[in-house]
Protein backbone atom coordinates (compact mmCIF):
# COMPACT_ATOMS: atom_id res chain seq x y z
CA MET A 1 0.00 0.00 0.00
CA ARG A 2 2.93 2.35 0.64
CA ILE A 3 4.13 1.84 -2.92
CA ILE A 4 0.72 2.78 -4.32
CA ASP A 5 0.55 5.87 -2.08
CA LYS A 6 4.01 6.96 -3.20
CA ILE A 7 3.14 6.61 -6.89
CA TYR A 8 -0.23 8.34 -6.34
CA LEU A 9 1.42 11.36 -4.73
CA GLU A 10 3.61 11.79 -7.81
CA TYR A 11 0.84 11.10 -10.35
CA PRO A 12 -2.66 11.62 -8.87
CA PHE A 13 -4.33 11.24 -12.28
CA LYS A 14 -3.37 7.59 -12.73
CA GLY A 15 -6.05 4.96 -12.35
CA SER A 16 -5.84 1.35 -11.26
CA ARG A 17 -4.48 0.04 -14.55
CA ARG A 18 -1.66 2.55 -14.79
CA LEU A 19 -0.83 2.16 -11.09
CA ARG A 20 -0.60 -1.59 -11.61
CA ASP A 21 1.75 -1.09 -14.55
CA ASP A 22 3.94 1.28 -12.52
CA VAL A 23 4.17 -1.14 -9.60
CA ARG A 24 5.28 -3.85 -12.02
CA ALA A 25 7.77 -1.63 -13.85
CA ARG A 26 9.33 0.16 -10.87
CA HIS A 27 9.36 -2.53 -8.20
CA GLY A 28 8.99 -5.77 -10.15
CA ILE A 29 5.97 -6.84 -8.13
CA ARG A 30 3.22 -8.61 -10.06
CA VAL A 31 -0.06 -7.36 -8.68
CA ASN A 32 -3.58 -8.02 -9.88
CA ARG A 33 -5.67 -4.99 -10.85
CA LYS A 34 -8.46 -6.05 -8.48
CA ARG A 35 -6.02 -5.90 -5.59
CA ILE A 36 -4.94 -2.39 -6.63
CA ILE A 37 -8.61 -1.33 -6.71
CA ARG A 38 -9.20 -2.80 -3.23
CA LEU A 39 -6.16 -1.03 -1.79
CA MET A 40 -7.19 2.24 -3.45
CA ARG A 41 -10.63 1.98 -1.81
CA LEU A 42 -9.06 1.22 1.58
CA SER A 43 -6.83 4.28 1.46
CA GLY A 44 -9.47 6.54 -0.12
CA ILE A 45 -7.56 7.12 -3.35
CA THR A 46 -9.41 8.03 -6.53
CA ALA A 47 -7.93 9.04 -9.86
CA LEU A 48 -8.31 12.68 -10.82
CA ARG A 49 -9.66 13.48 -14.25
CA ILE A 50 -7.62 15.89 -16.29
CA THR A 51 -10.42 17.00 -18.57
CA THR A 52 -14.12 17.35 -17.96
CA LEU A 53 -16.55 15.02 -19.61
CA LYS A 54 -18.77 16.63 -22.20
CA ILE A 55 -22.22 15.17 -22.57
CA TYR A 56 -23.83 15.54 -25.96
CA ARG A 57 -27.53 14.92 -26.22
CA ASN A 58 -29.29 14.00 -29.42
């Protein structure tokens, strides 16, 4: 969980998939994405969106 917190502080816009990839690349730890999601929920981490979503209605 400390590794995820450290990466999140550097890059708060990364989601579970990109956090998983960073944990694998930086530390060589193979982690399932579901585990990353569970740890993110435990620590209250959510990915920040860079752009706003635009809703187009027909």
